[in-house]
Amino acid sequence: MRGILVGLVMLGAPAAPAPRSLDLQHLPRVAVIDERYQSYNVEMAEVIGGDFWKPYDPNALPAPPPTEAGGSGFVIGGPDPALFQKMPPTDLTRPRLRTLAAALGPTYVRVSGTWANSVYFHDADTPPPAEPPKGFTGILTRREWKGVVDFAHAVDAKIVTSFAISAGVRDAQGVWTADQARKLVAYTRSVGGEIAAAELFNEPTMPSAGGAPPGYDAKRFAADSAVFRKFAREAAPGMLVLGPGSVGEGGARVVPESVPTLSTEAMLSAEPRPVFDAFSFHYYGAVSVRCAGMGKQMQTTADAALSEEWLSRSDKVFDFYKRLRDRFQPGKPMWLTETGDAACGGNPWAATFLDTFRYLDQLGRLARRGLAVHMHNTLAVSEYGLLDSKTLVPRPNYWGALLWRRLMADTVLDAGGSREGLHLYAHCLRNRPGGVVMLAINNSRTRANSIAVAFPTTRYTLSAKDLQSGAVQLNGKDLTLTADGDLPELPGTAVPPGTVNLPPASITFLAVGEAANASCK
């Protein structure tokens, strides 16, 4: 038997536990994720332009003065200049943007967000109206949507979206109508594109904040869902129907108590019972300091960013929605269609290495739990963007995403439990039959760990001299684009059999090509 014994030894501990062993040759398969598991959002607000989260002023942190809960600090696209600023439509043709996005492919690109709930599709090549028609708050042109289709083709992405549900798409009885959705689907097909999957609308658990008509309730959601599913089967039979797309439940509060909400349980219990092809939900562990007016209890801090409590929140929310999936949509795959550091555009440290621990730990732990698709918000806008929106310089999370894409294949293995100082995840090694790759996250700021590997391995360790910096090192060398703006080589370091040290506050991928794991052949 060609096995690899991996001992996990804590350095400097007064009484180290007996080394734990992993036989990499026989690690069992526990899940298979979508080949586009690691994906991202491009907000509808980016595509059409408009109000979006105002960047933080580094000389004036934390965020603006508190507002009344549920007031201007929460209304999407509201007039509060402390929270929002106008931005032009994003140029999706920029070569560097396409190059960096393509390096993460294949992916899904989700074009949605609360702004999509009330956008009017101007299905003509004539100039759009100066103002949105009654019942809408934004305008999507053919040119802008074709830009999305062209971008998806260029970066090997499949399009995921949602549709308008505001007053502008409802008949005299308040019933959702498919006219706008049908036009968007037809136009997408006419320019050589396809919508791979769609939610009816973004975050129906917050209907009043998301542009739904006054009094929108669970019964109306169920009725709308029935109309939507019928439309999808007739107009786009290959499009997966996702839902419900909920947020703010399961113990992660991101909605003020004063804002009316719908529970997922109520929506899925209403008649006619909604039916989805995949069960979708959103997850943010907190709201950012930008929305401090929602209440201190909804915040988190940079000091907590590596804590077990913070990193484990995604487990708790996943379990909450999994129970609902098992009850109402048994056997359907689970998609996390929007997630990030914190709602309201992310915290200031979302753009730093400090958030890369959450980003990669969440990818690892939810893949192990059986999540099929994980969509980060966003690719290149606001603090939680993988790329800086102006310079397109990769942020630390992008480098983590790139290593995940190059090393972690779709077969998930059981690496056992994690503990503070060592979160360990294992997948088959990409493009290496029988190979295994381990993702070892040392979330202790002060204590080193080590792994004893009995065969040669290739090491990729991410670290930073300052955790709240945008600079990150791979095996001790700064990660930057080349002078021509291209991605650099990401060479691993060959490590002979023996002990691999894991410094405090570091993230290490260990590629073991000779593992001979039967699940990886």
Protein backbone atom coordinates (compact mmCIF):
# COMPACT_ATOMS: atom_id res chain seq x y z
CA MET A 1 0.00 0.00 0.00
CA ARG A 2 1.40 3.35 -1.03
CA GLY A 3 0.00 5.57 1.69
CA ILE A 4 1.09 8.92 2.99
CA LEU A 5 0.95 9.48 6.72
CA VAL A 6 0.38 13.08 7.60
CA GLY A 7 1.07 14.07 11.21
CA LEU A 8 -0.21 17.38 12.45
CA VAL A 9 2.20 18.60 15.11
CA MET A 10 1.80 21.86 16.99
CA LEU A 11 5.10 23.65 17.50
CA GLY A 12 5.82 25.16 20.84
CA ALA A 13 2.81 23.63 22.59
CA PRO A 14 3.63 22.47 26.15
CA ALA A 15 2.01 19.10 25.57
CA ALA A 16 1.46 18.43 21.88
CA PRO A 17 -1.26 15.90 21.08
CA ALA A 18 -0.34 12.69 19.36
CA PRO A 19 0.17 13.31 15.65
CA ARG A 20 -2.90 12.81 13.58
CA SER A 21 -2.47 10.62 10.52
CA LEU A 22 -4.06 10.88 7.10
CA ASP A 23 -3.67 8.12 4.57
CA LEU A 24 -3.87 10.23 1.44
CA GLN A 25 -4.12 7.17 -0.76
CA HIS A 26 -7.42 6.20 0.82
CA LEU A 27 -9.03 9.52 1.72
CA PRO A 28 -12.67 8.91 0.79
CA ARG A 29 -14.58 11.05 -1.66
CA VAL A 30 -17.30 13.05 0.10
CA ALA A 31 -18.57 15.34 -2.67
CA VAL A 32 -18.20 16.38 -6.27
CA ILE A 33 -18.60 20.09 -6.94
CA ASP A 34 -19.60 21.84 -10.16
CA GLU A 35 -16.65 22.45 -12.49
CA ARG A 36 -17.61 26.14 -12.18
CA TYR A 37 -17.79 25.94 -8.38
CA GLN A 38 -15.67 29.04 -7.81
CA SER A 39 -17.57 31.82 -9.58
CA TYR A 40 -18.35 35.51 -9.14
CA ASN A 41 -20.89 38.31 -9.55
CA VAL A 42 -20.86 41.32 -11.85
CA GLU A 43 -23.61 43.48 -10.38
CA MET A 44 -26.40 44.74 -12.64
CA ALA A 45 -25.55 48.17 -11.24
CA GLU A 46 -22.10 47.81 -12.84
CA VAL A 47 -23.56 46.89 -16.22
CA ILE A 48 -26.05 49.76 -16.43
CA GLY A 49 -24.25 52.30 -14.22
CA GLY A 50 -25.83 54.13 -11.32
CA ASP A 51 -25.61 54.41 -7.57
CA PHE A 52 -23.26 51.98 -5.91
CA TRP A 53 -21.40 51.79 -2.62
CA LYS A 54 -19.11 54.77 -2.14
CA PRO A 55 -15.46 53.81 -1.55
CA TYR A 56 -14.15 54.34 1.95
CA ASP A 57 -12.15 57.45 2.68
CA PRO A 58 -8.96 56.07 4.28
CA ASN A 59 -8.69 59.28 6.30
CA ALA A 60 -12.23 59.00 7.68
CA LEU A 61 -12.80 55.49 9.00
CA PRO A 62 -15.04 53.99 10.24
CA ALA A 63 -18.03 54.74 8.08
CA PRO A 64 -20.50 57.64 8.09
CA PRO A 65 -22.62 58.66 11.08
CA PRO A 66 -25.31 56.14 12.04
CA THR A 67 -28.67 56.51 10.37
CA GLU A 68 -32.04 55.28 11.51
CA ALA A 69 -32.32 51.53 11.02
CA GLY A 70 -34.12 50.89 7.77
CA GLY A 71 -33.61 54.48 6.67
CA SER A 72 -31.23 55.87 4.07
CA GLY A 73 -28.48 53.66 5.41
CA PHE A 74 -30.30 50.68 3.98
CA VAL A 75 -32.26 51.71 0.91
CA ILE A 76 -30.45 50.37 -2.14
CA GLY A 77 -29.48 53.16 -4.50
CA GLY A 78 -30.71 55.72 -1.98
CA PRO A 79 -29.79 59.38 -2.01
CA ASP A 80 -27.42 59.31 0.98
CA PRO A 81 -24.10 60.65 -0.43
CA ALA A 82 -22.25 59.17 2.53
CA LEU A 83 -23.12 55.68 1.33
CA PHE A 84 -23.55 55.83 -2.45
CA GLN A 85 -21.98 57.48 -5.44
CA LYS A 86 -22.73 57.48 -9.16
CA MET A 87 -20.62 55.24 -11.35
CA PRO A 88 -20.60 54.82 -15.12
CA PRO A 89 -21.31 51.45 -16.74
CA THR A 90 -18.39 49.07 -16.35
CA ASP A 91 -16.28 48.50 -19.46
CA LEU A 92 -16.30 44.72 -19.79
CA THR A 93 -14.07 44.87 -22.88
CA ARG A 94 -10.90 45.88 -21.00
CA PRO A 95 -8.20 43.37 -21.98
CA ARG A 96 -6.75 43.06 -18.49
CA LEU A 97 -10.18 42.45 -16.96
CA ARG A 98 -10.85 39.69 -19.47
CA THR A 99 -7.40 38.15 -19.04
CA LEU A 100 -7.67 38.00 -15.26
CA ALA A 101 -11.25 36.75 -15.33
CA ALA A 102 -10.41 34.08 -17.91
CA ALA A 103 -7.64 32.78 -15.66
CA LEU A 104 -10.34 31.79 -13.16
CA GLY A 105 -12.42 29.99 -15.80
CA PRO A 106 -14.52 28.10 -16.36
CA THR A 107 -16.95 29.99 -14.13
CA TYR A 108 -20.47 31.30 -13.83
CA VAL A 109 -20.89 35.06 -13.99
CA ARG A 110 -23.99 36.21 -12.15
CA VAL A 111 -25.41 39.54 -13.29
CA SER A 112 -28.03 40.39 -10.72
CA GLY A 113 -28.24 42.17 -7.38
CA THR A 114 -31.01 44.31 -5.99
CA TRP A 115 -30.65 46.75 -8.89
CA ALA A 116 -31.82 43.98 -11.26
CA ASN A 117 -35.19 43.75 -9.49
CA SER A 118 -36.49 46.92 -11.12
CA VAL A 119 -34.44 47.30 -14.31
CA TYR A 120 -36.18 47.92 -17.65
CA PHE A 121 -34.75 46.11 -20.69
CA HIS A 122 -34.88 48.48 -23.67
CA ASP A 123 -35.28 45.89 -26.41
CA ALA A 124 -34.41 48.12 -29.36
CA ASP A 125 -31.35 49.62 -31.01
CA THR A 126 -32.81 53.11 -30.71
CA PRO A 127 -31.63 55.42 -27.91
CA PRO A 128 -33.17 54.46 -24.57
CA PRO A 129 -35.66 56.78 -22.89
CA ALA A 130 -34.19 59.56 -20.78
CA GLU A 131 -35.93 58.16 -17.71
CA PRO A 132 -37.02 54.60 -16.86
CA PRO A 133 -40.66 53.82 -17.64
CA LYS A 134 -43.11 53.88 -14.75
CA GLY A 135 -42.56 51.00 -12.37
CA PHE A 136 -38.80 50.72 -13.07
CA THR A 137 -35.75 52.47 -11.63
CA GLY A 138 -33.02 51.65 -14.18
CA ILE A 139 -32.52 50.88 -17.87
CA LEU A 140 -30.59 48.02 -19.45
CA THR A 141 -29.79 48.50 -23.14
CA ARG A 142 -29.14 45.90 -25.80
CA ARG A 143 -25.56 47.14 -26.10
CA GLU A 144 -24.93 46.71 -22.39
CA TRP A 145 -26.39 43.20 -22.31
CA LYS A 146 -24.48 42.17 -25.44
CA GLY A 147 -21.39 43.33 -23.56
CA VAL A 148 -22.23 40.77 -20.87
CA VAL A 149 -22.70 38.03 -23.48
CA ASP A 150 -19.41 38.89 -25.17
CA PHE A 151 -17.61 39.00 -21.82
CA ALA A 152 -18.96 35.58 -20.88
CA HIS A 153 -17.74 34.11 -24.17
CA ALA A 154 -14.31 35.71 -23.75
CA VAL A 155 -13.69 34.42 -20.22
CA ASP A 156 -15.35 30.97 -20.42
CA ALA A 157 -18.25 31.91 -18.20
CA LYS A 158 -21.91 30.91 -18.23
CA ILE A 159 -24.45 33.63 -17.46
CA VAL A 160 -26.65 33.53 -14.37
CA THR A 161 -29.14 36.33 -13.76
CA SER A 162 -32.50 37.35 -12.29
CA PHE A 163 -35.38 39.41 -13.65
CA ALA A 164 -37.39 42.51 -12.85
CA ILE A 165 -40.23 42.01 -10.37
CA SER A 166 -41.20 45.63 -9.71
CA ALA A 167 -44.51 47.29 -10.49
CA GLY A 168 -43.49 47.75 -14.12
CA VAL A 169 -43.82 44.03 -14.89
CA ARG A 170 -47.14 43.40 -13.14
CA ASP A 171 -50.66 43.35 -14.54
CA ALA A 172 -53.68 45.11 -13.10
CA GLN A 173 -54.13 42.32 -10.53
CA GLY A 174 -50.49 42.59 -9.41
CA VAL A 175 -49.45 39.31 -11.04
CA TRP A 176 -45.90 39.01 -12.39
CA THR A 177 -45.76 38.97 -16.18
CA ALA A 178 -42.97 37.50 -18.31
CA ASP A 179 -42.84 40.08 -21.10
CA GLN A 180 -39.58 41.70 -19.98
CA ALA A 181 -37.96 38.38 -19.11
CA ARG A 182 -39.00 36.88 -22.45
CA LYS A 183 -37.44 39.78 -24.34
CA LEU A 184 -34.15 39.43 -22.46
CA VAL A 185 -33.99 35.67 -23.04
CA ALA A 186 -34.79 36.06 -26.73
CA TYR A 187 -32.25 38.82 -27.25
CA THR A 188 -29.56 36.82 -25.45
CA ARG A 189 -30.16 33.93 -27.82
CA SER A 190 -30.17 36.22 -30.87
CA VAL A 191 -26.62 37.42 -30.15
CA GLY A 192 -25.27 33.93 -29.58
CA GLY A 193 -25.61 33.80 -25.83
CA GLU A 194 -27.46 31.69 -23.30
CA ILE A 195 -28.73 32.19 -19.79
CA ALA A 196 -27.60 29.07 -17.94
CA ALA A 197 -29.57 29.69 -14.75
CA ALA A 198 -31.76 32.35 -13.19
CA GLU A 199 -33.52 33.29 -9.99
CA LEU A 200 -36.89 34.97 -10.25
CA PHE A 201 -35.53 37.92 -8.31
CA ASN A 202 -32.78 38.94 -5.97
CA GLU A 203 -33.31 38.32 -2.24
CA PRO A 204 -37.07 37.96 -1.87
CA THR A 205 -36.64 37.76 1.91
CA MET A 206 -36.28 41.57 1.75
CA PRO A 207 -39.10 42.47 -0.66
CA SER A 208 -39.63 46.09 0.37
CA ALA A 209 -35.91 46.89 0.17
CA GLY A 210 -35.67 45.08 -3.15
CA GLY A 211 -38.32 46.90 -5.15
CA ALA A 212 -41.26 44.51 -4.74
CA PRO A 213 -44.76 46.02 -4.60
CA PRO A 214 -46.09 47.09 -1.19
CA GLY A 215 -47.56 44.23 0.79
CA TYR A 216 -45.61 41.57 -1.08
CA ASP A 217 -46.00 38.31 0.84
CA ALA A 218 -45.26 34.58 0.73
CA LYS A 219 -48.47 33.80 -1.16
CA ARG A 220 -47.51 36.29 -3.89
CA PHE A 221 -44.00 34.80 -4.10
CA ALA A 222 -45.44 31.32 -4.60
CA ALA A 223 -47.83 32.54 -7.30
CA ASP A 224 -45.05 34.47 -9.06
CA SER A 225 -42.76 31.44 -8.89
CA ALA A 226 -45.37 29.28 -10.63
CA VAL A 227 -45.69 31.80 -13.47
CA PHE A 228 -41.91 32.12 -13.68
CA ARG A 229 -41.32 28.37 -13.86
CA LYS A 230 -43.91 27.99 -16.61
CA PHE A 231 -42.26 30.82 -18.56
CA ALA A 232 -38.81 29.29 -18.11
CA ARG A 233 -39.89 25.89 -19.38
CA GLU A 234 -41.49 27.40 -22.47
CA ALA A 235 -39.05 30.20 -23.36
CA ALA A 236 -35.75 28.82 -22.04
CA PRO A 237 -36.03 25.06 -21.51
CA GLY A 238 -32.28 24.71 -20.89
CA MET A 239 -32.20 27.39 -18.19
CA LEU A 240 -31.99 26.16 -14.60
CA VAL A 241 -34.55 27.74 -12.28
CA LEU A 242 -32.80 28.75 -9.06
CA GLY A 243 -34.48 29.80 -5.87
CA PRO A 244 -35.44 31.21 -3.56
CA GLY A 245 -32.23 33.33 -3.33
CA SER A 246 -32.82 34.21 0.32
CA VAL A 247 -30.53 36.17 2.64
CA GLY A 248 -30.35 37.23 6.27
CA GLU A 249 -31.46 34.03 8.00
CA GLY A 250 -29.78 31.26 9.96
CA GLY A 251 -28.16 33.47 12.56
CA ALA A 252 -26.31 35.88 10.25
CA ARG A 253 -28.18 39.16 10.71
CA VAL A 254 -27.79 41.55 7.80
CA VAL A 255 -31.30 43.03 7.84
CA PRO A 256 -32.47 45.62 10.41
CA GLU A 257 -35.43 44.57 12.50
CA SER A 258 -37.41 47.55 11.18
CA VAL A 259 -37.22 46.26 7.60
CA PRO A 260 -40.12 43.94 6.67
CA THR A 261 -38.90 40.47 5.75
CA LEU A 262 -40.28 37.18 4.48
CA SER A 263 -39.05 33.88 5.83
CA THR A 264 -37.89 31.21 3.42
CA GLU A 265 -40.02 28.70 5.27
CA ALA A 266 -43.16 30.77 4.66
CA MET A 267 -42.35 31.29 0.98
CA LEU A 268 -41.72 27.60 0.35
CA SER A 269 -44.79 26.55 2.35
CA ALA A 270 -47.19 28.74 0.36
CA GLU A 271 -49.35 27.29 -2.39
CA PRO A 272 -48.69 26.52 -5.12
CA ARG A 273 -45.47 25.17 -3.65
CA PRO A 274 -42.45 26.69 -5.48
CA VAL A 275 -40.26 24.22 -7.38
CA PHE A 276 -36.62 24.88 -8.26
CA ASP A 277 -33.92 23.02 -10.16
CA ALA A 278 -31.35 24.12 -7.58
CA PHE A 279 -31.77 25.64 -4.12
CA SER A 280 -30.06 29.04 -3.95
CA PHE A 281 -29.25 31.30 -1.03
CA HIS A 282 -26.99 34.24 -0.17
CA TYR A 283 -24.60 34.58 2.73
CA TYR A 284 -22.95 37.54 4.42
CA GLY A 285 -21.72 37.10 7.96
CA ALA A 286 -22.25 40.77 8.81
CA VAL A 287 -22.90 44.20 7.34
CA SER A 288 -19.93 46.45 6.71
CA VAL A 289 -19.02 49.50 8.77
CA ARG A 290 -20.39 51.49 5.84
CA CYS A 291 -23.84 50.53 7.12
CA ALA A 292 -23.07 51.06 10.79
CA GLY A 293 -26.46 52.69 11.18
CA MET A 294 -28.10 49.27 11.07
CA GLY A 295 -26.76 48.54 14.55
CA LYS A 296 -23.60 47.39 16.26
CA GLN A 297 -24.95 43.86 16.67
CA MET A 298 -24.78 43.40 12.89
CA GLN A 299 -21.10 44.34 12.61
CA THR A 300 -17.84 42.44 12.78
CA THR A 301 -14.25 43.60 13.31
CA ALA A 302 -10.84 43.06 11.78
CA ASP A 303 -9.73 41.52 15.08
CA ALA A 304 -12.34 38.77 14.60
CA ALA A 305 -11.41 37.97 11.01
CA LEU A 306 -9.40 34.84 11.85
CA SER A 307 -11.56 33.67 14.73
CA GLU A 308 -13.28 30.31 14.78
CA GLU A 309 -16.61 32.00 15.44
CA TRP A 310 -16.35 34.18 12.33
CA LEU A 311 -15.07 31.46 10.01
CA SER A 312 -17.72 28.98 11.16
CA ARG A 313 -20.68 31.29 10.49
CA SER A 314 -20.91 30.04 6.90
CA ASP A 315 -21.40 26.50 8.24
CA LYS A 316 -24.31 27.61 10.39
CA VAL A 317 -26.07 29.42 7.58
CA PHE A 318 -25.44 26.54 5.17
CA ASP A 319 -26.95 24.12 7.69
CA PHE A 320 -30.00 26.38 8.12
CA TYR A 321 -30.71 26.43 4.41
CA LYS A 322 -29.81 22.77 3.94
CA ARG A 323 -32.56 21.82 6.38
CA LEU A 324 -35.02 23.86 4.35
CA ARG A 325 -33.69 22.32 1.12
CA ASP A 326 -34.13 18.82 2.56
CA ARG A 327 -37.67 19.64 3.63
CA PHE A 328 -38.96 21.47 0.57
CA GLN A 329 -36.60 20.63 -2.33
CA PRO A 330 -35.05 17.27 -1.40
CA GLY A 331 -32.09 16.18 -3.47
CA LYS A 332 -31.68 19.49 -5.29
CA PRO A 333 -28.13 20.89 -5.52
CA MET A 334 -27.35 23.92 -3.37
CA TRP A 335 -25.97 27.09 -4.93
CA LEU A 336 -24.58 30.02 -2.95
CA THR A 337 -25.26 32.71 -5.54
CA GLU A 338 -23.93 35.72 -3.62
CA THR A 339 -21.43 35.98 -0.80
CA GLY A 340 -18.62 38.18 0.40
CA ASP A 341 -16.86 39.63 3.42
CA ALA A 342 -19.85 41.74 4.48
CA ALA A 343 -23.00 43.20 2.98
CA CYS A 344 -23.01 46.89 1.97
CA GLY A 345 -19.94 46.60 -0.24
CA GLY A 346 -17.57 44.90 2.18
CA ASN A 347 -15.45 46.14 5.06
CA PRO A 348 -12.23 48.12 4.50
CA TRP A 349 -10.19 44.98 5.16
CA ALA A 350 -12.07 42.97 2.52
CA ALA A 351 -9.45 44.21 0.05
CA THR A 352 -6.58 42.88 2.17
CA PHE A 353 -4.98 39.53 2.95
CA LEU A 354 -6.97 39.40 6.18
CA ASP A 355 -10.09 38.41 4.23
CA THR A 356 -8.35 35.71 2.19
CA PHE A 357 -8.64 33.39 5.19
CA ARG A 358 -12.44 33.70 5.07
CA TYR A 359 -12.50 33.45 1.28
CA LEU A 360 -10.52 30.21 0.98
CA ASP A 361 -11.81 28.68 4.21
CA GLN A 362 -15.38 29.21 3.03
CA LEU A 363 -14.61 27.61 -0.34
CA GLY A 364 -13.07 24.62 1.40
CA ARG A 365 -15.58 24.03 4.16
CA LEU A 366 -18.69 24.44 1.99
CA ALA A 367 -17.32 22.21 -0.78
CA ARG A 368 -16.82 19.55 1.88
CA ARG A 369 -20.40 20.06 3.04
CA GLY A 370 -21.76 19.49 -0.46
CA LEU A 371 -22.28 22.99 -1.86
CA ALA A 372 -22.33 22.79 -5.67
CA VAL A 373 -21.60 26.41 -6.68
CA HIS A 374 -20.05 29.37 -4.82
CA MET A 375 -20.37 32.90 -6.29
CA HIS A 376 -18.26 35.66 -4.78
CA ASN A 377 -19.51 39.24 -4.80
CA THR A 378 -17.85 40.80 -6.79
CA LEU A 379 -15.28 40.40 -9.56
CA ALA A 380 -14.15 44.01 -9.72
CA VAL A 381 -16.19 46.56 -7.81
CA SER A 382 -16.23 47.83 -4.21
CA GLU A 383 -13.99 46.65 -1.39
CA TYR A 384 -15.00 43.01 -1.73
CA GLY A 385 -14.01 42.88 -5.42
CA LEU A 386 -11.35 40.36 -6.39
CA LEU A 387 -9.82 43.13 -8.49
CA ASP A 388 -9.44 46.85 -7.87
CA SER A 389 -12.14 48.48 -9.99
CA LYS A 390 -9.92 51.30 -11.31
CA THR A 391 -6.51 49.71 -11.73
CA LEU A 392 -7.60 46.07 -12.10
CA VAL A 393 -4.72 45.16 -9.81
CA PRO A 394 -5.42 41.77 -8.22
CA ARG A 395 -6.25 41.85 -4.55
CA PRO A 396 -5.14 39.06 -2.19
CA ASN A 397 -8.41 37.16 -2.65
CA TYR A 398 -7.75 37.00 -6.38
CA TRP A 399 -4.39 35.30 -5.84
CA GLY A 400 -6.09 32.81 -3.51
CA ALA A 401 -8.80 32.23 -6.12
CA LEU A 402 -6.18 31.65 -8.82
CA LEU A 403 -4.33 29.03 -6.78
CA TRP A 404 -7.63 27.31 -5.98
CA ARG A 405 -8.50 27.20 -9.66
CA ARG A 406 -5.12 25.79 -10.69
CA LEU A 407 -4.82 23.19 -7.96
CA MET A 408 -8.21 22.13 -6.52
CA ALA A 409 -10.13 19.71 -8.75
CA ASP A 410 -13.84 18.94 -8.50
CA THR A 411 -13.62 15.80 -6.36
CA VAL A 412 -13.69 16.64 -2.64
CA LEU A 413 -12.00 14.33 -0.16
CA ASP A 414 -12.53 13.92 3.56
CA ALA A 415 -9.54 15.37 5.39
CA GLY A 416 -11.22 15.09 8.78
CA GLY A 417 -12.05 17.86 11.21
CA SER A 418 -10.32 21.19 11.63
CA ARG A 419 -9.22 23.00 14.75
CA GLU A 420 -7.95 26.45 15.60
CA GLY A 421 -4.59 26.89 13.96
CA LEU A 422 -5.17 24.23 11.34
CA HIS A 423 -8.13 24.09 8.98
CA LEU A 424 -7.40 21.27 6.56
CA TYR A 425 -9.24 20.55 3.31
CA ALA A 426 -8.38 18.06 0.57
CA HIS A 427 -9.35 17.68 -3.09
CA CYS A 428 -8.02 15.69 -5.97
CA LEU A 429 -5.12 17.52 -7.59
CA ARG A 430 -6.10 19.14 -10.86
CA ASN A 431 -4.70 17.50 -14.00
CA ARG A 432 -2.79 14.85 -12.03
CA PRO A 433 -4.52 11.45 -11.89
CA GLY A 434 -4.25 10.02 -8.40
CA GLY A 435 -2.85 13.26 -6.99
CA VAL A 436 -4.15 15.02 -3.89
CA VAL A 437 -3.90 18.65 -2.87
CA MET A 438 -4.32 19.84 0.70
CA LEU A 439 -5.36 23.36 1.68
CA ALA A 440 -3.93 24.05 5.14
CA ILE A 441 -5.04 27.32 6.76
CA ASN A 442 -3.26 28.41 9.93
CA ASN A 443 -5.71 30.92 11.37
CA SER A 444 -3.70 31.41 14.54
CA ARG A 445 -1.98 34.79 14.58
CA THR A 446 0.74 33.62 16.98
CA ARG A 447 1.20 29.86 16.85
CA ALA A 448 2.90 27.81 14.14
CA ASN A 449 1.85 24.34 13.06
CA SER A 450 3.45 21.70 10.90
CA ILE A 451 2.50 18.80 8.66
CA ALA A 452 4.66 15.72 8.20
CA VAL A 453 4.41 14.42 4.64
CA ALA A 454 5.99 11.09 3.73
CA PHE A 455 6.37 11.85 -0.01
CA PRO A 456 7.66 14.79 -2.05
CA THR A 457 5.24 17.68 -2.29
CA THR A 458 4.99 21.08 -3.94
CA ARG A 459 4.28 23.95 -1.60
CA TYR A 460 2.41 27.21 -2.27
CA THR A 461 2.26 29.38 0.85
CA LEU A 462 0.43 32.72 0.91
CA SER A 463 1.45 35.18 3.61
CA ALA A 464 1.64 38.91 4.21
CA LYS A 465 3.96 41.16 6.18
CA ASP A 466 0.89 43.13 7.23
CA LEU A 467 -2.41 41.23 7.33
CA GLN A 468 -4.34 44.41 6.52
CA SER A 469 -2.32 45.09 3.41
CA GLY A 470 -3.07 44.54 -0.24
CA ALA A 471 0.39 43.06 -0.69
CA VAL A 472 0.71 39.29 -0.49
CA GLN A 473 3.65 36.92 -0.90
CA LEU A 474 3.84 33.46 -2.43
CA ASN A 475 6.56 31.41 -0.78
CA GLY A 476 8.08 34.67 0.43
CA LYS A 477 8.03 36.54 -2.90
CA ASP A 478 5.68 39.41 -3.72
CA LEU A 479 2.81 38.56 -6.06
CA THR A 480 2.38 41.23 -8.72
CA LEU A 481 1.45 41.45 -12.38
CA THR A 482 4.29 41.67 -14.86
CA ALA A 483 5.39 44.98 -16.37
CA ASP A 484 3.08 44.21 -19.31
CA GLY A 485 0.13 43.61 -16.97
CA ASP A 486 0.17 39.83 -17.38
CA LEU A 487 -0.09 37.19 -14.70
CA PRO A 488 3.26 35.97 -13.39
CA GLU A 489 4.28 32.37 -13.08
CA LEU A 490 3.11 30.88 -9.78
CA PRO A 491 5.93 28.45 -9.07
CA GLY A 492 5.62 26.12 -6.15
CA THR A 493 8.51 25.14 -3.95
CA ALA A 494 9.61 21.52 -4.06
CA VAL A 495 9.67 20.04 -0.57
CA PRO A 496 11.26 16.65 0.22
CA PRO A 497 9.47 14.14 2.43
CA GLY A 498 9.34 15.32 6.02
CA THR A 499 7.98 18.23 8.00
CA VAL A 500 6.29 21.19 6.32
CA ASN A 501 6.05 24.18 8.62
CA LEU A 502 2.91 26.34 8.60
CA PRO A 503 3.73 29.82 9.95
CA PRO A 504 1.16 31.77 11.96
CA ALA A 505 -1.48 33.51 9.85
CA SER A 506 -0.61 31.73 6.63
CA ILE A 507 -2.41 29.75 3.92
CA THR A 508 -0.68 26.80 2.27
CA PHE A 509 -1.59 24.57 -0.65
CA LEU A 510 0.34 21.28 -0.67
CA ALA A 511 0.23 19.37 -3.95
CA VAL A 512 1.07 15.67 -3.61
CA GLY A 513 1.26 14.19 -7.07
CA GLU A 514 2.17 10.67 -5.92
CA ALA A 515 -0.75 10.11 -3.54
CA ALA A 516 -2.27 7.41 -5.81
CA ASN A 517 -5.74 8.10 -4.41
CA ALA A 518 -8.26 5.80 -6.06
CA SER A 519 -10.98 8.50 -5.98
CA CYS A 520 -8.71 10.79 -8.00
CA LYS A 521 -8.09 8.50 -10.96
